[in-house]
Amino acid sequence: MNRRYWLDSVVAMIGVWLVASPWILTYRSPDAVGLDIGSSNASWNFIIVGIALFLLGFIAITSYRLWRGWLDVAAAVWLIVSPWVLGYQAIPAMWNAIICGFAVIGISGWVILSDRSVRVV
């Protein structure tokens, strides 16, 4: 399997993890009672960004375009800053956002930099 396809598969798997993570890690604010995934800013953020990353990763596997890598980077930057923008930096979801965001930036950056069509020699 081509390295680019392998890396795009990892981005898609990170998307799946982000969608599943609200139920696995049970995101809720510290003052919330019980499990209230439906109203959590963190949960909705992870579900939406996770679906987007899954679709971008899957589409990149079938038909690669460089701009899709840049969309991955944009989604990852949003993941990194979203705890402060949406106000969930006090719960463990912040670390999930930061780790997944940097992982996607690293993977997508590697794909973008290794794309031979953009190199100027």
N, C-alpha and C. Protein backbone atom coordinates (compact mmCIF):
# COMPACT_ATOMS: atom_id res chain seq x y z
N MET A 1 0.84 -1.18 0.00
CA MET A 1 0.00 0.00 0.00
C MET A 1 0.89 1.24 0.00
N ASN A 2 0.54 2.18 -0.79
CA ASN A 2 1.26 3.43 -0.90
C ASN A 2 1.24 4.16 0.46
N ARG A 3 2.35 4.81 0.81
CA ARG A 3 2.44 5.49 2.10
C ARG A 3 1.37 6.56 2.24
N ARG A 4 1.08 7.28 1.17
CA ARG A 4 0.07 8.33 1.24
C ARG A 4 -1.29 7.73 1.59
N TYR A 5 -1.64 6.59 0.98
CA TYR A 5 -2.92 5.96 1.28
C TYR A 5 -2.95 5.47 2.73
N TRP A 6 -1.84 4.95 3.20
CA TRP A 6 -1.75 4.49 4.57
C TRP A 6 -1.97 5.65 5.54
N LEU A 7 -1.34 6.78 5.26
CA LEU A 7 -1.48 7.94 6.13
C LEU A 7 -2.90 8.51 6.07
N ASP A 8 -3.50 8.52 4.90
CA ASP A 8 -4.89 8.98 4.79
C ASP A 8 -5.83 8.05 5.54
N SER A 9 -5.51 6.76 5.58
CA SER A 9 -6.30 5.81 6.36
C SER A 9 -6.20 6.13 7.85
N VAL A 10 -5.03 6.54 8.31
CA VAL A 10 -4.86 6.90 9.72
C VAL A 10 -5.69 8.14 10.04
N VAL A 11 -5.72 9.12 9.14
CA VAL A 11 -6.55 10.31 9.36
C VAL A 11 -8.02 9.89 9.45
N ALA A 12 -8.46 8.99 8.59
CA ALA A 12 -9.84 8.51 8.65
C ALA A 12 -10.12 7.80 9.98
N MET A 13 -9.15 7.02 10.47
CA MET A 13 -9.32 6.32 11.75
C MET A 13 -9.36 7.31 12.92
N ILE A 14 -8.59 8.39 12.83
CA ILE A 14 -8.66 9.42 13.88
C ILE A 14 -10.05 10.04 13.86
N GLY A 15 -10.62 10.23 12.66
CA GLY A 15 -11.99 10.72 12.56
C GLY A 15 -12.98 9.80 13.25
N VAL A 16 -12.82 8.49 13.05
CA VAL A 16 -13.70 7.52 13.71
C VAL A 16 -13.53 7.61 15.22
N TRP A 17 -12.28 7.72 15.68
CA TRP A 17 -12.03 7.85 17.13
C TRP A 17 -12.71 9.10 17.68
N LEU A 18 -12.62 10.22 16.96
CA LEU A 18 -13.22 11.45 17.45
C LEU A 18 -14.74 11.32 17.59
N VAL A 19 -15.37 10.62 16.64
CA VAL A 19 -16.82 10.42 16.73
C VAL A 19 -17.18 9.54 17.92
N ALA A 20 -16.39 8.50 18.16
CA ALA A 20 -16.68 7.55 19.24
C ALA A 20 -16.24 8.07 20.62
N SER A 21 -15.29 8.99 20.65
CA SER A 21 -14.69 9.40 21.93
C SER A 21 -15.65 10.02 22.95
N PRO A 22 -16.71 10.73 22.57
CA PRO A 22 -17.60 11.23 23.62
C PRO A 22 -18.24 10.12 24.44
N TRP A 23 -18.50 8.98 23.82
CA TRP A 23 -19.10 7.87 24.56
C TRP A 23 -18.05 7.05 25.30
N ILE A 24 -16.85 6.96 24.74
CA ILE A 24 -15.80 6.18 25.37
C ILE A 24 -15.20 6.93 26.56
N LEU A 25 -14.93 8.22 26.37
CA LEU A 25 -14.31 9.02 27.43
C LEU A 25 -15.32 9.78 28.28
N THR A 26 -16.60 9.69 27.95
CA THR A 26 -17.70 10.36 28.66
C THR A 26 -17.42 11.82 28.99
N TYR A 27 -17.45 12.64 27.95
CA TYR A 27 -17.23 14.07 28.14
C TYR A 27 -18.42 14.70 28.83
N ARG A 28 -18.15 15.43 29.85
CA ARG A 28 -19.17 16.26 30.49
C ARG A 28 -18.46 17.31 31.30
N SER A 29 -19.14 18.39 31.52
CA SER A 29 -18.54 19.44 32.32
C SER A 29 -18.49 19.00 33.77
N PRO A 30 -17.56 19.55 34.56
CA PRO A 30 -17.40 19.11 35.94
C PRO A 30 -18.64 19.31 36.81
N ASP A 31 -19.48 20.28 36.49
CA ASP A 31 -20.67 20.54 37.31
C ASP A 31 -21.91 19.82 36.79
N ALA A 32 -21.79 19.05 35.70
CA ALA A 32 -22.93 18.33 35.15
C ALA A 32 -23.22 17.09 35.98
N VAL A 33 -24.49 16.71 36.02
CA VAL A 33 -24.91 15.52 36.74
C VAL A 33 -25.26 14.45 35.71
N GLY A 34 -24.64 13.29 35.83
CA GLY A 34 -24.92 12.20 34.89
C GLY A 34 -24.17 12.38 33.58
N LEU A 35 -24.50 11.54 32.63
CA LEU A 35 -23.86 11.56 31.32
C LEU A 35 -24.75 12.33 30.36
N ASP A 36 -24.32 13.52 29.97
CA ASP A 36 -25.11 14.38 29.10
C ASP A 36 -24.31 14.70 27.85
N ILE A 37 -24.16 13.70 26.98
CA ILE A 37 -23.35 13.87 25.78
C ILE A 37 -24.02 14.81 24.79
N GLY A 38 -25.34 14.76 24.69
CA GLY A 38 -26.06 15.51 23.68
C GLY A 38 -25.92 17.01 23.75
N SER A 39 -25.70 17.57 24.92
CA SER A 39 -25.64 19.03 25.04
C SER A 39 -24.22 19.55 25.24
N SER A 40 -23.24 18.70 25.14
CA SER A 40 -21.86 19.10 25.39
C SER A 40 -21.23 19.70 24.13
N ASN A 41 -20.63 20.89 24.29
CA ASN A 41 -19.90 21.52 23.18
C ASN A 41 -18.78 20.61 22.69
N ALA A 42 -18.09 20.00 23.61
CA ALA A 42 -16.98 19.11 23.24
C ALA A 42 -17.49 17.92 22.43
N SER A 43 -18.57 17.32 22.85
CA SER A 43 -19.09 16.15 22.14
C SER A 43 -19.49 16.50 20.72
N TRP A 44 -20.25 17.56 20.57
CA TRP A 44 -20.68 17.94 19.21
C TRP A 44 -19.49 18.33 18.35
N ASN A 45 -18.51 18.99 18.93
CA ASN A 45 -17.32 19.36 18.19
C ASN A 45 -16.59 18.12 17.68
N PHE A 46 -16.42 17.13 18.55
CA PHE A 46 -15.72 15.91 18.15
C PHE A 46 -16.50 15.11 17.11
N ILE A 47 -17.81 15.09 17.23
CA ILE A 47 -18.63 14.36 16.26
C ILE A 47 -18.53 15.02 14.88
N ILE A 48 -18.67 16.33 14.82
CA ILE A 48 -18.64 17.04 13.54
C ILE A 48 -17.24 16.97 12.90
N VAL A 49 -16.21 17.28 13.68
CA VAL A 49 -14.84 17.25 13.13
C VAL A 49 -14.44 15.81 12.80
N GLY A 50 -14.87 14.85 13.61
CA GLY A 50 -14.56 13.45 13.33
C GLY A 50 -15.17 12.97 12.02
N ILE A 51 -16.42 13.33 11.78
CA ILE A 51 -17.06 12.96 10.51
C ILE A 51 -16.33 13.62 9.35
N ALA A 52 -15.98 14.89 9.51
CA ALA A 52 -15.25 15.60 8.44
C ALA A 52 -13.91 14.93 8.15
N LEU A 53 -13.15 14.60 9.20
CA LEU A 53 -11.85 13.96 8.99
C LEU A 53 -11.99 12.57 8.39
N PHE A 54 -13.01 11.83 8.82
CA PHE A 54 -13.24 10.52 8.23
C PHE A 54 -13.51 10.65 6.73
N LEU A 55 -14.41 11.56 6.38
CA LEU A 55 -14.74 11.74 4.97
C LEU A 55 -13.54 12.23 4.16
N LEU A 56 -12.79 13.18 4.71
CA LEU A 56 -11.61 13.68 4.00
C LEU A 56 -10.57 12.57 3.82
N GLY A 57 -10.35 11.79 4.86
CA GLY A 57 -9.40 10.69 4.76
C GLY A 57 -9.84 9.63 3.77
N PHE A 58 -11.11 9.28 3.81
CA PHE A 58 -11.64 8.27 2.90
C PHE A 58 -11.60 8.75 1.46
N ILE A 59 -12.01 10.00 1.23
CA ILE A 59 -11.99 10.55 -0.12
C ILE A 59 -10.55 10.66 -0.63
N ALA A 60 -9.62 11.02 0.24
CA ALA A 60 -8.22 11.13 -0.18
C ALA A 60 -7.66 9.77 -0.58
N ILE A 61 -8.15 8.70 0.02
CA ILE A 61 -7.69 7.36 -0.36
C ILE A 61 -8.15 7.04 -1.78
N THR A 62 -9.37 7.40 -2.11
CA THR A 62 -9.91 7.07 -3.42
C THR A 62 -9.45 8.02 -4.52
N SER A 63 -9.26 9.28 -4.18
CA SER A 63 -8.88 10.28 -5.19
C SER A 63 -8.14 11.41 -4.50
N TYR A 64 -6.83 11.33 -4.48
CA TYR A 64 -6.01 12.30 -3.73
C TYR A 64 -5.91 13.63 -4.45
N ARG A 65 -6.11 14.69 -3.71
CA ARG A 65 -5.87 16.06 -4.16
C ARG A 65 -5.18 16.78 -3.01
N LEU A 66 -4.20 17.60 -3.33
CA LEU A 66 -3.41 18.27 -2.30
C LEU A 66 -4.26 19.15 -1.38
N TRP A 67 -5.29 19.79 -1.92
CA TRP A 67 -6.10 20.68 -1.10
C TRP A 67 -6.82 19.94 0.02
N ARG A 68 -7.06 18.63 -0.16
CA ARG A 68 -7.70 17.86 0.91
C ARG A 68 -6.77 17.73 2.12
N GLY A 69 -5.48 17.65 1.86
CA GLY A 69 -4.51 17.64 2.95
C GLY A 69 -4.53 18.93 3.73
N TRP A 70 -4.70 20.03 3.02
CA TRP A 70 -4.79 21.32 3.70
C TRP A 70 -6.08 21.44 4.50
N LEU A 71 -7.17 20.83 4.03
CA LEU A 71 -8.41 20.82 4.82
C LEU A 71 -8.22 20.01 6.11
N ASP A 72 -7.45 18.92 6.02
CA ASP A 72 -7.11 18.16 7.23
C ASP A 72 -6.37 19.04 8.23
N VAL A 73 -5.41 19.80 7.73
CA VAL A 73 -4.63 20.69 8.61
C VAL A 73 -5.54 21.73 9.24
N ALA A 74 -6.45 22.31 8.45
CA ALA A 74 -7.37 23.32 8.99
C ALA A 74 -8.27 22.72 10.08
N ALA A 75 -8.77 21.50 9.85
CA ALA A 75 -9.59 20.84 10.87
C ALA A 75 -8.78 20.55 12.12
N ALA A 76 -7.52 20.18 11.94
CA ALA A 76 -6.65 19.88 13.09
C ALA A 76 -6.34 21.14 13.89
N VAL A 77 -6.10 22.24 13.21
CA VAL A 77 -5.86 23.51 13.92
C VAL A 77 -7.11 23.88 14.72
N TRP A 78 -8.28 23.69 14.11
CA TRP A 78 -9.52 23.96 14.85
C TRP A 78 -9.60 23.06 16.08
N LEU A 79 -9.26 21.78 15.95
CA LEU A 79 -9.29 20.88 17.10
C LEU A 79 -8.41 21.39 18.23
N ILE A 80 -7.24 21.91 17.88
CA ILE A 80 -6.30 22.37 18.90
C ILE A 80 -6.81 23.61 19.62
N VAL A 81 -7.44 24.53 18.91
CA VAL A 81 -7.90 25.77 19.55
C VAL A 81 -9.32 25.66 20.09
N SER A 82 -10.08 24.64 19.68
CA SER A 82 -11.49 24.54 20.07
C SER A 82 -11.74 24.45 21.58
N PRO A 83 -10.87 23.84 22.39
CA PRO A 83 -11.17 23.84 23.83
C PRO A 83 -11.29 25.25 24.41
N TRP A 84 -10.51 26.17 23.92
CA TRP A 84 -10.56 27.53 24.45
C TRP A 84 -11.68 28.34 23.80
N VAL A 85 -11.97 28.07 22.54
CA VAL A 85 -13.03 28.79 21.85
C VAL A 85 -14.40 28.34 22.36
N LEU A 86 -14.58 27.03 22.55
CA LEU A 86 -15.86 26.49 22.98
C LEU A 86 -15.98 26.35 24.48
N GLY A 87 -14.91 26.57 25.21
CA GLY A 87 -14.95 26.59 26.67
C GLY A 87 -14.98 25.23 27.34
N TYR A 88 -14.26 24.27 26.82
CA TYR A 88 -14.19 22.98 27.51
C TYR A 88 -12.76 22.61 27.88
N GLN A 89 -11.93 23.60 28.16
CA GLN A 89 -10.54 23.32 28.50
C GLN A 89 -10.35 22.71 29.88
N ALA A 90 -11.37 22.71 30.70
CA ALA A 90 -11.23 22.17 32.05
C ALA A 90 -11.53 20.67 32.13
N ILE A 91 -11.94 20.04 31.05
CA ILE A 91 -12.26 18.62 31.08
C ILE A 91 -11.28 17.84 30.21
N PRO A 92 -11.18 16.52 30.38
CA PRO A 92 -10.21 15.72 29.63
C PRO A 92 -10.36 15.78 28.11
N ALA A 93 -11.48 16.25 27.63
CA ALA A 93 -11.68 16.37 26.18
C ALA A 93 -10.62 17.28 25.56
N MET A 94 -10.11 18.23 26.34
CA MET A 94 -9.08 19.13 25.84
C MET A 94 -7.86 18.35 25.36
N TRP A 95 -7.44 17.36 26.13
CA TRP A 95 -6.26 16.59 25.75
C TRP A 95 -6.52 15.73 24.53
N ASN A 96 -7.72 15.22 24.40
CA ASN A 96 -8.08 14.46 23.21
C ASN A 96 -8.01 15.36 21.98
N ALA A 97 -8.51 16.57 22.09
CA ALA A 97 -8.48 17.52 20.97
C ALA A 97 -7.04 17.88 20.59
N ILE A 98 -6.22 18.16 21.57
CA ILE A 98 -4.85 18.58 21.30
C ILE A 98 -4.04 17.42 20.69
N ILE A 99 -4.13 16.24 21.27
CA ILE A 99 -3.36 15.10 20.77
C ILE A 99 -3.80 14.72 19.35
N CYS A 100 -5.11 14.62 19.14
CA CYS A 100 -5.60 14.28 17.81
C CYS A 100 -5.28 15.37 16.80
N GLY A 101 -5.37 16.63 17.22
CA GLY A 101 -5.04 17.73 16.32
C GLY A 101 -3.60 17.69 15.87
N PHE A 102 -2.67 17.52 16.80
CA PHE A 102 -1.26 17.45 16.42
C PHE A 102 -0.95 16.20 15.60
N ALA A 103 -1.64 15.09 15.88
CA ALA A 103 -1.44 13.88 15.09
C ALA A 103 -1.87 14.11 13.64
N VAL A 104 -3.01 14.74 13.45
CA VAL A 104 -3.49 15.00 12.09
C VAL A 104 -2.58 16.00 11.37
N ILE A 105 -2.11 17.02 12.08
CA ILE A 105 -1.17 17.98 11.47
C ILE A 105 0.10 17.26 11.04
N GLY A 106 0.63 16.40 11.89
CA GLY A 106 1.84 15.66 11.54
C GLY A 106 1.64 14.75 10.34
N ILE A 107 0.55 14.01 10.34
CA ILE A 107 0.28 13.08 9.24
C ILE A 107 0.01 13.84 7.94
N SER A 108 -0.87 14.83 8.00
CA SER A 108 -1.20 15.59 6.79
C SER A 108 -0.01 16.41 6.30
N GLY A 109 0.76 16.94 7.23
CA GLY A 109 1.96 17.68 6.84
C GLY A 109 2.96 16.78 6.12
N TRP A 110 3.08 15.55 6.60
CA TRP A 110 3.97 14.59 5.95
C TRP A 110 3.50 14.28 4.53
N VAL A 111 2.18 14.09 4.37
CA VAL A 111 1.63 13.83 3.04
C VAL A 111 1.84 15.03 2.12
N ILE A 112 1.57 16.23 2.64
CA ILE A 112 1.72 17.45 1.82
C ILE A 112 3.17 17.64 1.40
N LEU A 113 4.09 17.50 2.36
CA LEU A 113 5.51 17.72 2.05
C LEU A 113 6.10 16.62 1.16
N SER A 114 5.52 15.44 1.21
CA SER A 114 6.07 14.36 0.39
C SER A 114 5.43 14.29 -1.00
N ASP A 115 4.48 15.17 -1.25
CA ASP A 115 3.84 15.19 -2.58
C ASP A 115 4.83 15.74 -3.60
N ARG A 116 5.25 14.91 -4.51
CA ARG A 116 6.26 15.28 -5.48
C ARG A 116 5.79 16.32 -6.49
N SER A 117 4.49 16.47 -6.67
CA SER A 117 3.99 17.40 -7.66
C SER A 117 4.13 18.85 -7.23
N VAL A 118 4.36 19.11 -5.93
CA VAL A 118 4.51 20.49 -5.48
C VAL A 118 5.96 20.89 -5.24
N ARG A 119 6.88 19.95 -5.36
CA ARG A 119 8.30 20.25 -5.13
C ARG A 119 8.87 21.02 -6.32
N VAL A 120 9.65 22.01 -6.01
CA VAL A 120 10.33 22.79 -7.03
C VAL A 120 11.82 22.49 -6.91
N VAL A 121 12.40 21.92 -7.96
CA VAL A 121 13.80 21.54 -7.90
C VAL A 121 14.60 22.39 -8.86
